[in-house]
PDB file of N, CA and C in Angstrom:
ATOM      1  N   MET A   1       0.830  -1.318  -0.142  1.00  0.00           N
ATOM      2  CA  MET A   1      -0.040   0.570  -0.018  1.00  0.00           C
ATOM      3  C   MET A   1       1.089   0.961  -0.223  1.00  0.00           C
ATOM      4  N   LEU A   2       0.552   2.444  -0.954  1.00  0.00           N
ATOM      5  CA  LEU A   2       1.212   3.528  -1.261  1.00  0.00           C
ATOM      6  C   LEU A   2       0.719   5.218   0.373  1.00  0.00           C
ATOM      7  N   HIS A   3       1.914   4.957   0.757  1.00  0.00           N
ATOM      8  CA  HIS A   3       2.216   5.495   2.411  1.00  0.00           C
ATOM      9  C   HIS A   3       1.764   7.043   1.508  1.00  0.00           C
ATOM     10  N   ARG A   4       1.336   7.695   2.192  1.00  0.00           N
ATOM     11  CA  ARG A   4       0.493   9.161   1.874  1.00  0.00           C
ATOM     12  C   ARG A   4       0.176   9.464   3.238  1.00  0.00           C
ATOM     13  N   GLU A   5       1.311  11.074   3.368  1.00  0.00           N
ATOM     14  CA  GLU A   5       1.740  11.907   4.342  1.00  0.00           C
ATOM     15  C   GLU A   5       1.466  13.800   4.184  1.00  0.00           C
ATOM     16  N   ILE A   6       0.246  14.098   5.225  1.00  0.00           N
ATOM     17  CA  ILE A   6       0.521  15.034   4.829  1.00  0.00           C
ATOM     18  C   ILE A   6       1.779  16.350   5.691  1.00  0.00           C
ATOM     19  N   LEU A   7       1.889  16.798   4.662  1.00  0.00           N
ATOM     20  CA  LEU A   7       3.831  17.909   5.344  1.00  0.00           C
ATOM     21  C   LEU A   7       3.131  18.958   5.746  1.00  0.00           C
ATOM     22  N   SER A   8       4.177  19.661   6.286  1.00  0.00           N
ATOM     23  CA  SER A   8       4.447  21.228   5.644  1.00  0.00           C
ATOM     24  C   SER A   8       5.369  21.238   5.793  1.00  0.00           C
ATOM     25  N   PRO A   9       6.091  22.884   4.933  1.00  0.00           N
ATOM     26  CA  PRO A   9       6.788  22.622   4.153  1.00  0.00           C
ATOM     27  C   PRO A   9       8.495  22.268   4.804  1.00  0.00           C
ATOM     28  N   LYS A  10       8.354  23.167   6.153  1.00  0.00           N
ATOM     29  CA  LYS A  10       9.640  22.585   7.458  1.00  0.00           C
ATOM     30  C   LYS A  10       9.858  20.896   7.454  1.00  0.00           C
ATOM     31  N   GLU A  11       9.207  20.222   7.224  1.00  0.00           N
ATOM     32  CA  GLU A  11       8.945  18.501   7.428  1.00  0.00           C
ATOM     33  C   GLU A  11       9.298  18.404   6.361  1.00  0.00           C
ATOM     34  N   VAL A  12       9.091  19.228   4.849  1.00  0.00           N
ATOM     35  CA  VAL A  12       9.659  18.409   3.623  1.00  0.00           C
ATOM     36  C   VAL A  12      10.827  18.429   4.439  1.00  0.00           C
ATOM     37  N   LEU A  13      11.665  20.017   4.622  1.00  0.00           N
ATOM     38  CA  LEU A  13      12.989  20.345   4.412  1.00  0.00           C
ATOM     39  C   LEU A  13      13.632  19.042   5.504  1.00  0.00           C
ATOM     40  N   ASP A  14      13.076  18.666   6.699  1.00  0.00           N
ATOM     41  CA  ASP A  14      13.956  17.980   6.891  1.00  0.00           C
ATOM     42  C   ASP A  14      13.889  16.586   6.885  1.00  0.00           C
ATOM     43  N   LYS A  15      13.095  16.416   5.815  1.00  0.00           N
ATOM     44  CA  LYS A  15      12.670  14.763   5.647  1.00  0.00           C
ATOM     45  C   LYS A  15      13.503  13.994   4.870  1.00  0.00           C
ATOM     46  N   ILE A  16      13.512  14.931   3.296  1.00  0.00           N
ATOM     47  CA  ILE A  16      14.419  15.163   2.492  1.00  0.00           C
ATOM     48  C   ILE A  16      15.709  14.776   2.515  1.00  0.00           C
ATOM     49  N   PRO A  17      16.828  14.798   3.866  1.00  0.00           N
ATOM     50  CA  PRO A  17      18.068  14.548   3.687  1.00  0.00           C
ATOM     51  C   PRO A  17      17.798  13.688   3.690  1.00  0.00           C
ATOM     52  N   ASN A  18      17.176  13.261   4.879  1.00  0.00           N
ATOM     53  CA  ASN A  18      17.522  11.079   4.209  1.00  0.00           C
ATOM     54  C   ASN A  18      16.427  10.263   4.036  1.00  0.00           C
ATOM     55  N   LEU A  19      15.347  10.815   2.188  1.00  0.00           N
ATOM     56  CA  LEU A  19      15.061   9.807   2.027  1.00  0.00           C
ATOM     57  C   LEU A  19      15.455  10.051   0.774  1.00  0.00           C
ATOM     58  N   ASP A  20      15.035   8.392   0.274  1.00  0.00           N
ATOM     59  CA  ASP A  20      16.260   8.085  -0.784  1.00  0.00           C
ATOM     60  C   ASP A  20      15.464   7.999  -2.527  1.00  0.00           C
ATOM     61  N   GLU A  21      13.887   7.712  -2.211  1.00  0.00           N
ATOM     62  CA  GLU A  21      12.899   7.948  -3.158  1.00  0.00           C
ATOM     63  C   GLU A  21      11.072   8.071  -2.106  1.00  0.00           C
ATOM     64  N   GLY A  22      10.913   9.101  -2.853  1.00  0.00           N
ATOM     65  CA  GLY A  22       9.795   9.667  -2.626  1.00  0.00           C
ATOM     66  C   GLY A  22       9.662  11.343  -4.430  1.00  0.00           C
ATOM     67  N   VAL A  23       7.326  11.821  -3.706  1.00  0.00           N
ATOM     68  CA  VAL A  23       6.744  12.464  -4.805  1.00  0.00           C
ATOM     69  C   VAL A  23       6.010  13.403  -3.641  1.00  0.00           C
ATOM     70  N   PHE A  24       6.590  14.992  -3.626  1.00  0.00           N
ATOM     71  CA  PHE A  24       5.843  15.124  -3.615  1.00  0.00           C
ATOM     72  C   PHE A  24       4.747  15.687  -3.880  1.00  0.00           C
ATOM     73  N   ALA A  25       3.522  15.896  -3.717  1.00  0.00           N
ATOM     74  CA  ALA A  25       3.170  17.322  -5.055  1.00  0.00           C
ATOM     75  C   ALA A  25       2.128  18.307  -4.122  1.00  0.00           C
ATOM     76  N   ILE A  26       3.118  19.543  -4.284  1.00  0.00           N
ATOM     77  CA  ILE A  26       2.977  20.725  -3.356  1.00  0.00           C
ATOM     78  C   ILE A  26       1.489  21.707  -3.791  1.00  0.00           C
ATOM     79  N   ARG A  27       0.717  22.747  -2.538  1.00  0.00           N
ATOM     80  CA  ARG A  27      -0.015  23.340  -3.899  1.00  0.00           C
ATOM     81  C   ARG A  27      -0.290  24.675  -2.725  1.00  0.00           C
ATOM     82  N   CYS A  28      -0.020  26.016  -3.730  1.00  0.00           N
ATOM     83  CA  CYS A  28      -0.348  27.293  -2.726  1.00  0.00           C
ATOM     84  C   CYS A  28      -0.799  28.374  -3.394  1.00  0.00           C
ATOM     85  N   GLU A  29      -2.367  28.686  -3.383  1.00  0.00           N
ATOM     86  CA  GLU A  29      -2.654  29.579  -3.411  1.00  0.00           C
ATOM     87  C   GLU A  29      -2.417  31.503  -3.498  1.00  0.00           C
ATOM     88  N   MET A  30      -1.558  31.595  -4.043  1.00  0.00           N
ATOM     89  CA  MET A  30      -0.895  32.848  -4.136  1.00  0.00           C
ATOM     90  C   MET A  30      -1.469  34.254  -4.855  1.00  0.00           C
ATOM     91  N   PRO A  31      -1.046  35.302  -4.567  1.00  0.00           N
ATOM     92  CA  PRO A  31      -2.507  35.836  -4.540  1.00  0.00           C
ATOM     93  C   PRO A  31      -2.393  36.361  -5.986  1.00  0.00           C
ATOM     94  N   LEU A  32      -1.738  36.563  -7.017  1.00  0.00           N
ATOM     95  CA  LEU A  32      -1.308  35.992  -8.679  1.00  0.00           C
ATOM     96  C   LEU A  32      -1.354  34.916  -9.425  1.00  0.00           C
ATOM     97  N   LYS A  33      -1.160  34.824  -8.586  1.00  0.00           N
ATOM     98  CA  LYS A  33      -0.891  32.870  -8.900  1.00  0.00           C
ATOM     99  C   LYS A  33      -1.318  31.970  -8.056  1.00  0.00           C
ATOM    100  N   THR A  34      -0.762  30.258  -8.840  1.00  0.00           N
ATOM    101  CA  THR A  34      -1.017  29.012  -7.907  1.00  0.00           C
ATOM    102  C   THR A  34       0.541  28.576  -8.063  1.00  0.00           C
ATOM    103  N   TYR A  35       1.240  28.146  -7.120  1.00  0.00           N
ATOM    104  CA  TYR A  35       2.011  28.091  -7.274  1.00  0.00           C
ATOM    105  C   TYR A  35       1.921  26.829  -7.355  1.00  0.00           C
ATOM    106  N   GLN A  36       1.767  25.827  -7.112  1.00  0.00           N
ATOM    107  CA  GLN A  36       2.092  23.600  -8.292  1.00  0.00           C
ATOM    108  C   GLN A  36       2.879  23.194  -8.850  1.00  0.00           C
ATOM    109  N   VAL A  37       3.420  22.464  -8.049  1.00  0.00           N
ATOM    110  CA  VAL A  37       4.405  20.674  -9.094  1.00  0.00           C
ATOM    111  C   VAL A  37       5.035  19.928  -8.023  1.00  0.00           C
ATOM    112  N   ILE A  38       4.744  18.847  -8.641  1.00  0.00           N
ATOM    113  CA  ILE A  38       5.110  17.822  -8.027  1.00  0.00           C
ATOM    114  C   ILE A  38       6.825  17.439  -8.574  1.00  0.00           C
ATOM    115  N   LEU A  39       7.256  17.287  -7.358  1.00  0.00           N
ATOM    116  CA  LEU A  39       8.644  17.601  -7.417  1.00  0.00           C
ATOM    117  C   LEU A  39       9.105  15.268  -6.767  1.00  0.00           C
ATOM    118  N   TYR A  40       9.677  15.514  -7.810  1.00  0.00           N
ATOM    119  CA  TYR A  40      10.302  13.408  -7.516  1.00  0.00           C
ATOM    120  C   TYR A  40      11.790  13.442  -7.011  1.00  0.00           C
ATOM    121  N   LYS A  41      12.111  13.293  -5.980  1.00  0.00           N
ATOM    122  CA  LYS A  41      13.297  12.517  -5.837  1.00  0.00           C
ATOM    123  C   LYS A  41      13.646  10.961  -5.562  1.00  0.00           C
ATOM    124  N   TYR A  42      14.733  11.201  -6.409  1.00  0.00           N
ATOM    125  CA  TYR A  42      15.516   9.460  -6.571  1.00  0.00           C
ATOM    126  C   TYR A  42      16.643  10.013  -5.669  1.00  0.00           C
ATOM    127  N   GLN A  43      16.715   8.830  -4.601  1.00  0.00           N
ATOM    128  CA  GLN A  43      18.647   9.434  -4.462  1.00  0.00           C
ATOM    129  C   GLN A  43      19.382  10.838  -3.708  1.00  0.00           C
ATOM    130  N   GLU A  44      19.746  11.354  -4.993  1.00  0.00           N
ATOM    131  CA  GLU A  44      20.374  13.013  -4.769  1.00  0.00           C
ATOM    132  C   GLU A  44      19.847  13.689  -5.876  1.00  0.00           C
ATOM    133  N   ASP A  45      19.339  13.027  -6.354  1.00  0.00           N
ATOM    134  CA  ASP A  45      18.378  13.561  -7.716  1.00  0.00           C
ATOM    135  C   ASP A  45      17.095  14.400  -7.689  1.00  0.00           C
ATOM    136  N   PHE A  46      16.796  15.405  -7.942  1.00  0.00           N
ATOM    137  CA  PHE A  46      15.400  16.645  -7.822  1.00  0.00           C
ATOM    138  C   PHE A  46      15.185  16.076  -9.378  1.00  0.00           C
ATOM    139  N   PHE A  47      13.692  16.342  -9.570  1.00  0.00           N
ATOM    140  CA  PHE A  47      13.036  16.211 -11.026  1.00  0.00           C
ATOM    141  C   PHE A  47      11.712  17.066 -10.039  1.00  0.00           C
ATOM    142  N   SER A  48      11.437  17.882 -10.862  1.00  0.00           N
ATOM    143  CA  SER A  48       9.909  18.678 -10.879  1.00  0.00           C
ATOM    144  C   SER A  48       9.092  18.235 -12.129  1.00  0.00           C
ATOM    145  N   ILE A  49       8.119  17.752 -11.908  1.00  0.00           N
ATOM    146  CA  ILE A  49       7.338  16.973 -12.788  1.00  0.00           C
ATOM    147  C   ILE A  49       6.350  17.640 -13.695  1.00  0.00           C
ATOM    148  N   GLU A  50       5.930  17.863 -14.688  1.00  0.00           N
ATOM    149  CA  GLU A  50       5.242  18.810 -15.574  1.00  0.00           C
ATOM    150  C   GLU A  50       3.330  17.366 -15.938  1.00  0.00           C
ATOM    151  N   ASN A  51       2.725  17.535 -14.637  1.00  0.00           N
ATOM    152  CA  ASN A  51       2.006  16.839 -15.383  1.00  0.00           C
ATOM    153  C   ASN A  51      -0.008  17.300 -14.625  1.00  0.00           C
ATOM    154  N   PRO A  52       0.023  18.374 -15.068  1.00  0.00           N
ATOM    155  CA  PRO A  52      -0.931  19.144 -14.241  1.00  0.00           C
ATOM    156  C   PRO A  52      -2.278  17.880 -13.721  1.00  0.00           C
ATOM    157  N   ALA A  53      -2.642  17.149 -14.917  1.00  0.00           N
ATOM    158  CA  ALA A  53      -3.821  16.228 -14.491  1.00  0.00           C
ATOM    159  C   ALA A  53      -3.246  14.716 -13.244  1.00  0.00           C
ATOM    160  N   LEU A  54      -1.911  14.657 -12.779  1.00  0.00           N
ATOM    161  CA  LEU A  54      -1.475  13.787 -12.210  1.00  0.00           C
ATOM    162  C   LEU A  54      -1.485  14.261 -10.896  1.00  0.00           C
ATOM    163  N   LEU A  55      -1.711  16.024 -11.090  1.00  0.00           N
ATOM    164  CA  LEU A  55      -0.273  17.136  -9.623  1.00  0.00           C
ATOM    165  C   LEU A  55      -2.488  16.541  -9.260  1.00  0.00           C
ATOM    166  N   SER A  56      -3.680  16.583  -9.589  1.00  0.00           N
ATOM    167  CA  SER A  56      -4.736  16.944  -9.506  1.00  0.00           C
ATOM    168  C   SER A  56      -5.197  16.015  -9.120  1.00  0.00           C
ATOM    169  N   ALA A  57      -4.282  14.787  -9.527  1.00  0.00           N
ATOM    170  CA  ALA A  57      -4.638  13.865  -8.786  1.00  0.00           C
ATOM    171  C   ALA A  57      -3.988  13.125  -7.406  1.00  0.00           C
ATOM    172  N   LEU A  58      -3.533  13.473  -6.696  1.00  0.00           N
ATOM    173  CA  LEU A  58      -2.372  13.399  -5.867  1.00  0.00           C
ATOM    174  C   LEU A  58      -3.183  14.516  -4.861  1.00  0.00           C
ATOM    175  N   LEU A  59      -3.415  15.522  -5.305  1.00  0.00           N
ATOM    176  CA  LEU A  59      -4.125  15.910  -4.294  1.00  0.00           C
ATOM    177  C   LEU A  59      -6.220  15.761  -4.155  1.00  0.00           C
ATOM    178  N   GLY A  60      -5.587  15.490  -5.330  1.00  0.00           N
ATOM    179  CA  GLY A  60      -7.268  15.663  -4.758  1.00  0.00           C
ATOM    180  C   GLY A  60      -6.742  14.032  -4.120  1.00  0.00           C
ATOM    181  N   LYS A  61      -8.501  14.086  -4.118  1.00  0.00           N
ATOM    182  CA  LYS A  61      -9.349  12.453  -3.862  1.00  0.00           C
ATOM    183  C   LYS A  61      -8.888  11.563  -4.072  1.00  0.00           C
ATOM    184  N   ASN A  62      -8.235  10.771  -5.633  1.00  0.00           N
ATOM    185  CA  ASN A  62      -7.744  10.542  -6.889  1.00  0.00           C
ATOM    186  C   ASN A  62      -6.732  10.076  -6.349  1.00  0.00           C
ATOM    187  N   ALA A  63      -5.733  10.457  -4.712  1.00  0.00           N
ATOM    188  CA  ALA A  63      -4.924   9.821  -4.643  1.00  0.00           C
ATOM    189  C   ALA A  63      -4.410   8.529  -3.850  1.00  0.00           C
ATOM    190  N   ALA A  64      -6.658   7.776  -3.674  1.00  0.00           N
ATOM    191  CA  ALA A  64      -6.644   6.812  -3.250  1.00  0.00           C
ATOM    192  C   ALA A  64      -6.184   5.803  -4.702  1.00  0.00           C
ATOM    193  N   ASP A  65      -6.412   6.249  -5.505  1.00  0.00           N
ATOM    194  CA  ASP A  65      -6.586   5.766  -6.893  1.00  0.00           C
ATOM    195  C   ASP A  65      -4.979   4.404  -6.745  1.00  0.00           C
ATOM    196  N   PHE A  66      -3.747   5.123  -6.724  1.00  0.00           N
ATOM    197  CA  PHE A  66      -2.249   4.622  -6.375  1.00  0.00           C
ATOM    198  C   PHE A  66      -2.798   4.131  -4.872  1.00  0.00           C
ATOM    199  N   GLY A  67      -3.024   2.484  -5.272  1.00  0.00           N
ATOM    200  CA  GLY A  67      -2.953   1.555  -4.238  1.00  0.00           C
ATOM    201  C   GLY A  67      -1.371   1.587  -3.891  1.00  0.00           C
ATOM    202  N   SER A  68      -0.534   1.154  -4.843  1.00  0.00           N
ATOM    203  CA  SER A  68       0.612   0.606  -4.684  1.00  0.00           C
ATOM    204  C   SER A  68       1.759   1.460  -4.524  1.00  0.00           C
ATOM    205  N   SER A  69       3.454   1.261  -4.474  1.00  0.00           N
ATOM    206  CA  SER A  69       3.998   2.322  -5.201  1.00  0.00           C
ATOM    207  C   SER A  69       4.095   2.059  -6.187  1.00  0.00           C
ATOM    208  N   ASP A  70       4.259   1.003  -6.530  1.00  0.00           N
ATOM    209  CA  ASP A  70       4.687   1.018  -8.268  1.00  0.00           C
ATOM    210  C   ASP A  70       3.521   1.185  -9.244  1.00  0.00           C
ATOM    211  N   GLN A  71       2.222   1.381  -8.918  1.00  0.00           N
ATOM    212  CA  GLN A  71       1.409   2.153  -9.351  1.00  0.00           C
ATOM    213  C   GLN A  71       1.950   3.828  -9.861  1.00  0.00           C
ATOM    214  N   LEU A  72       1.943   4.510  -8.888  1.00  0.00           N
ATOM    215  CA  LEU A  72       2.704   5.957  -8.584  1.00  0.00           C
ATOM    216  C   LEU A  72       4.004   6.011  -9.673  1.00  0.00           C
ATOM    217  N   LEU A  73       4.899   4.857  -9.355  1.00  0.00           N
ATOM    218  CA  LEU A  73       5.663   5.253  -9.973  1.00  0.00           C
ATOM    219  C   LEU A  73       5.871   4.766 -11.884  1.00  0.00           C
ATOM    220  N   ASP A  74       5.448   3.644 -11.956  1.00  0.00           N
ATOM    221  CA  ASP A  74       4.540   4.017 -13.524  1.00  0.00           C
ATOM    222  C   ASP A  74       4.062   5.002 -14.052  1.00  0.00           C
ATOM    223  N   LYS A  75       3.208   6.111 -13.984  1.00  0.00           N
ATOM    224  CA  LYS A  75       3.144   7.090 -13.823  1.00  0.00           C
ATOM    225  C   LYS A  75       4.325   7.926 -13.873  1.00  0.00           C
ATOM    226  N   ILE A  76       5.095   8.500 -13.431  1.00  0.00           N
ATOM    227  CA  ILE A  76       6.277   9.006 -13.383  1.00  0.00           C
ATOM    228  C   ILE A  76       7.227   8.849 -13.876  1.00  0.00           C
ATOM    229  N   GLU A  77       7.329   8.275 -14.142  1.00  0.00           N
ATOM    230  CA  GLU A  77       8.482   7.020 -15.569  1.00  0.00           C
ATOM    231  C   GLU A  77       7.891   7.157 -17.057  1.00  0.00           C
ATOM    232  N   VAL A  78       6.686   7.144 -16.650  1.00  0.00           N
ATOM    233  CA  VAL A  78       5.646   8.218 -18.610  1.00  0.00           C
ATOM    234  C   VAL A  78       6.555   9.262 -18.174  1.00  0.00           C
ATOM    235  N   CYS A  79       5.797  10.317 -17.122  1.00  0.00           N
ATOM    236  CA  CYS A  79       6.350  11.743 -17.180  1.00  0.00           C
ATOM    237  C   CYS A  79       7.567  11.518 -17.691  1.00  0.00           C
ATOM    238  N   PHE A  80       8.724  10.729 -17.703  1.00  0.00           N
ATOM    239  CA  PHE A  80       9.641  10.626 -17.752  1.00  0.00           C
ATOM    240  C   PHE A  80      10.293   9.926 -19.460  1.00  0.00           C
ATOM    241  N   GLU A  81       8.758   9.649 -20.367  1.00  0.00           N
ATOM    242  CA  GLU A  81       9.772   9.674 -20.786  1.00  0.00           C
ATOM    243  C   GLU A  81       8.440  10.044 -22.047  1.00  0.00           C
ATOM    244  N   ASP A  82       7.849  10.620 -21.610  1.00  0.00           N
ATOM    245  CA  ASP A  82       7.377  11.550 -22.249  1.00  0.00           C
ATOM    246  C   ASP A  82       7.987  13.472 -21.955  1.00  0.00           C
ATOM    247  N   ASN A  83       9.189  12.668 -21.947  1.00  0.00           N
ATOM    248  CA  ASN A  83       9.722  13.941 -21.797  1.00  0.00           C
ATOM    249  C   ASN A  83       8.963  15.037 -20.248  1.00  0.00           C
ATOM    250  N   HIS A  84       8.308  14.995 -19.839  1.00  0.00           N
ATOM    251  CA  HIS A  84       7.336  16.399 -19.404  1.00  0.00           C
ATOM    252  C   HIS A  84       7.947  16.021 -17.310  1.00  0.00           C
ATOM    253  N   TYR A  85       9.603  16.275 -17.607  1.00  0.00           N
ATOM    254  CA  TYR A  85      10.068  16.843 -16.600  1.00  0.00           C
ATOM    255  C   TYR A  85      10.616  18.511 -16.500  1.00  0.00           C
ATOM    256  N   GLU A  86      11.808  18.452 -15.244  1.00  0.00           N
ATOM    257  CA  GLU A  86      12.703  19.048 -15.261  1.00  0.00           C
ATOM    258  C   GLU A  86      13.885  19.247 -14.478  1.00  0.00           C
ATOM    259  N   PRO A  87      15.334  18.268 -14.910  1.00  0.00           N
ATOM    260  CA  PRO A  87      16.277  18.073 -13.726  1.00  0.00           C
ATOM    261  C   PRO A  87      16.379  19.817 -12.860  1.00  0.00           C
ATOM    262  N   THR A  88      15.881  19.496 -11.241  1.00  0.00           N
ATOM    263  CA  THR A  88      16.167  20.432 -10.576  1.00  0.00           C
ATOM    264  C   THR A  88      16.902  20.718  -9.776  1.00  0.00           C
ATOM    265  N   THR A  89      17.764  20.741  -8.795  1.00  0.00           N
ATOM    266  CA  THR A  89      18.376  20.990  -7.673  1.00  0.00           C
ATOM    267  C   THR A  89      18.364  21.063  -6.564  1.00  0.00           C
ATOM    268  N   LYS A  90      18.805  20.655  -5.480  1.00  0.00           N
ATOM    269  CA  LYS A  90      18.831  20.803  -4.127  1.00  0.00           C
ATOM    270  C   LYS A  90      18.456  21.740  -3.400  1.00  0.00           C
ATOM    271  N   GLU A  91      19.534  22.790  -3.970  1.00  0.00           N
ATOM    272  CA  GLU A  91      19.642  24.225  -3.634  1.00  0.00           C
ATOM    273  C   GLU A  91      18.178  25.129  -4.060  1.00  0.00           C
ATOM    274  N   TRP A  92      17.824  24.842  -5.467  1.00  0.00           N
ATOM    275  CA  TRP A  92      16.440  25.135  -6.029  1.00  0.00           C
ATOM    276  C   TRP A  92      15.692  25.120  -4.831  1.00  0.00           C
ATOM    277  N   VAL A  93      14.812  23.664  -4.323  1.00  0.00           N
ATOM    278  CA  VAL A  93      14.558  22.845  -3.616  1.00  0.00           C
ATOM    279  C   VAL A  93      13.537  23.376  -2.558  1.00  0.00           C
ATOM    280  N   THR A  94      15.640  23.367  -2.061  1.00  0.00           N
ATOM    281  CA  THR A  94      15.982  24.786  -0.398  1.00  0.00           C
ATOM    282  C   THR A  94      15.277  25.948  -0.672  1.00  0.00           C
ATOM    283  N   LEU A  95      14.960  26.439  -1.611  1.00  0.00           N
ATOM    284  CA  LEU A  95      15.289  28.278  -1.582  1.00  0.00           C
ATOM    285  C   LEU A  95      13.269  27.715  -1.951  1.00  0.00           C
ATOM    286  N   ASP A  96      12.528  27.335  -2.418  1.00  0.00           N
ATOM    287  CA  ASP A  96      11.576  27.282  -3.036  1.00  0.00           C
ATOM    288  C   ASP A  96      11.193  27.146  -1.293  1.00  0.00           C
ATOM    289  N   LEU A  97      11.085  26.385  -0.658  1.00  0.00           N
ATOM    290  CA  LEU A  97      10.691  25.466   0.645  1.00  0.00           C
ATOM    291  C   LEU A  97      10.506  26.556   1.665  1.00  0.00           C
ATOM    292  N   ASN A  98      11.586  26.534   1.817  1.00  0.00           N
ATOM    293  CA  ASN A  98      12.190  28.081   2.580  1.00  0.00           C
ATOM    294  C   ASN A  98      10.943  29.479   2.452  1.00  0.00           C
ATOM    295  N   THR A  99      11.042  29.293   1.349  1.00  0.00           N
ATOM    296  CA  THR A  99       9.795  30.373   0.811  1.00  0.00           C
ATOM    297  C   THR A  99       8.430  30.354   1.264  1.00  0.00           C
ATOM    298  N   LEU A 100       8.109  28.777   0.282  1.00  0.00           N
ATOM    299  CA  LEU A 100       6.567  28.725   1.526  1.00  0.00           C
ATOM    300  C   LEU A 100       6.168  28.382   2.721  1.00  0.00           C
ATOM    301  N   LYS A 101       8.055  28.016   3.294  1.00  0.00           N
ATOM    302  CA  LYS A 101       7.309  28.360   5.012  1.00  0.00           C
ATOM    303  C   LYS A 101       6.693  29.445   5.814  1.00  0.00           C
ATOM    304  N   LEU A 102       6.775  30.278   5.170  1.00  0.00           N
ATOM    305  CA  LEU A 102       6.649  32.227   5.144  1.00  0.00           C
ATOM    306  C   LEU A 102       5.302  32.025   5.332  1.00  0.00           C
ATOM    307  N   ILE A 103       4.392  31.516   4.468  1.00  0.00           N
ATOM    308  CA  ILE A 103       3.270  31.085   3.428  1.00  0.00           C
ATOM    309  C   ILE A 103       2.464  30.180   4.700  1.00  0.00           C
ATOM    310  N   ASN A 104       1.194  31.236   4.994  1.00  0.00           N
ATOM    311  CA  ASN A 104      -0.026  30.031   5.353  1.00  0.00           C
ATOM    312  C   ASN A 104      -0.878  29.040   5.498  1.00  0.00           C
ATOM    313  N   ASN A 105      -0.962  29.137   3.666  1.00  0.00           N
ATOM    314  CA  ASN A 105      -2.289  27.664   2.786  1.00  0.00           C
ATOM    315  C   ASN A 105      -0.698  26.306   1.888  1.00  0.00           C
ATOM    316  N   VAL A 106      -0.009  26.592   2.611  1.00  0.00           N
ATOM    317  CA  VAL A 106       0.485  25.783   1.673  1.00  0.00           C
ATOM    318  C   VAL A 106       0.052  23.861   2.032  1.00  0.00           C
ATOM    319  N   GLU A 107      -0.412  23.593   0.687  1.00  0.00           N
ATOM    320  CA  GLU A 107      -0.973  22.053   1.006  1.00  0.00           C
ATOM    321  C   GLU A 107       1.321  20.865  -0.462  1.00  0.00           C
ATOM    322  N   VAL A 108       0.842  20.057   1.604  1.00  0.00           N
ATOM    323  CA  VAL A 108       1.734  19.655   0.488  1.00  0.00           C
ATOM    324  C   VAL A 108       1.577  18.382   1.296  1.00  0.00           C
ATOM    325  N   GLN A 109       1.609  16.991  -0.224  1.00  0.00           N
ATOM    326  CA  GLN A 109       0.834  15.574  -0.245  1.00  0.00           C
ATOM    327  C   GLN A 109       2.334  15.242   0.131  1.00  0.00           C
ATOM    328  N   PHE A 110       2.820  13.474   0.466  1.00  0.00           N
ATOM    329  CA  PHE A 110       3.987  13.314   0.246  1.00  0.00           C
ATOM    330  C   PHE A 110       3.784  11.718   0.698  1.00  0.00           C
ATOM    331  N   PHE A 111       4.773  11.108  -1.018  1.00  0.00           N
ATOM    332  CA  PHE A 111       4.354   9.721  -1.061  1.00  0.00           C
ATOM    333  C   PHE A 111       5.385   9.670  -1.168  1.00  0.00           C
ATOM    334  N   ASP A 112       5.695   8.183   0.016  1.00  0.00           N
ATOM    335  CA  ASP A 112       7.102   7.700   0.394  1.00  0.00           C
ATOM    336  C   ASP A 112       7.188   6.173  -0.717  1.00  0.00           C
ATOM    337  N   LEU A 113       7.987   6.208  -0.721  1.00  0.00           N
ATOM    338  CA  LEU A 113       8.533   5.432  -2.254  1.00  0.00           C
ATOM    339  C   LEU A 113       9.595   4.546  -1.725  1.00  0.00           C
ATOM    340  N   GLU A 114       9.516   4.194  -0.635  1.00  0.00           N
ATOM    341  CA  GLU A 114      11.226   2.942  -0.421  1.00  0.00           C
ATOM    342  C   GLU A 114      10.393   1.933   0.124  1.00  0.00           C
ATOM    343  N   GLU A 115      10.965   1.164   0.535  1.00  0.00           N
ATOM    344  CA  GLU A 115      10.063  -0.172   0.522  1.00  0.00           C
ATOM    345  C   GLU A 115      10.882  -1.369   1.698  1.00  0.00           C
TER     346      GLU A 115
END
């Protein structure tokens, strides 16, 4: 079964150093736009996944449709195959999360892919 947790940006910052593989779906309403991203971490690498439908599924009630980490990994793999991702750095991830710590309405869903 897929492990899912709701975290704050600070908790994400605390979790990342000890995590080998996981997915974070992040959404935050801001005055001029909505910040939303799927962040995939694999070992020391970070990737921003560009798939609005997957983001909506992960942040919505449909996240329960992913019964296992393999099902979620299959969706992530398709994003890589279709070139719907961008590599990012730990520094950018840290900067974004430190900025999001200052905002009240941040929604972070964490999906643990380590077994």
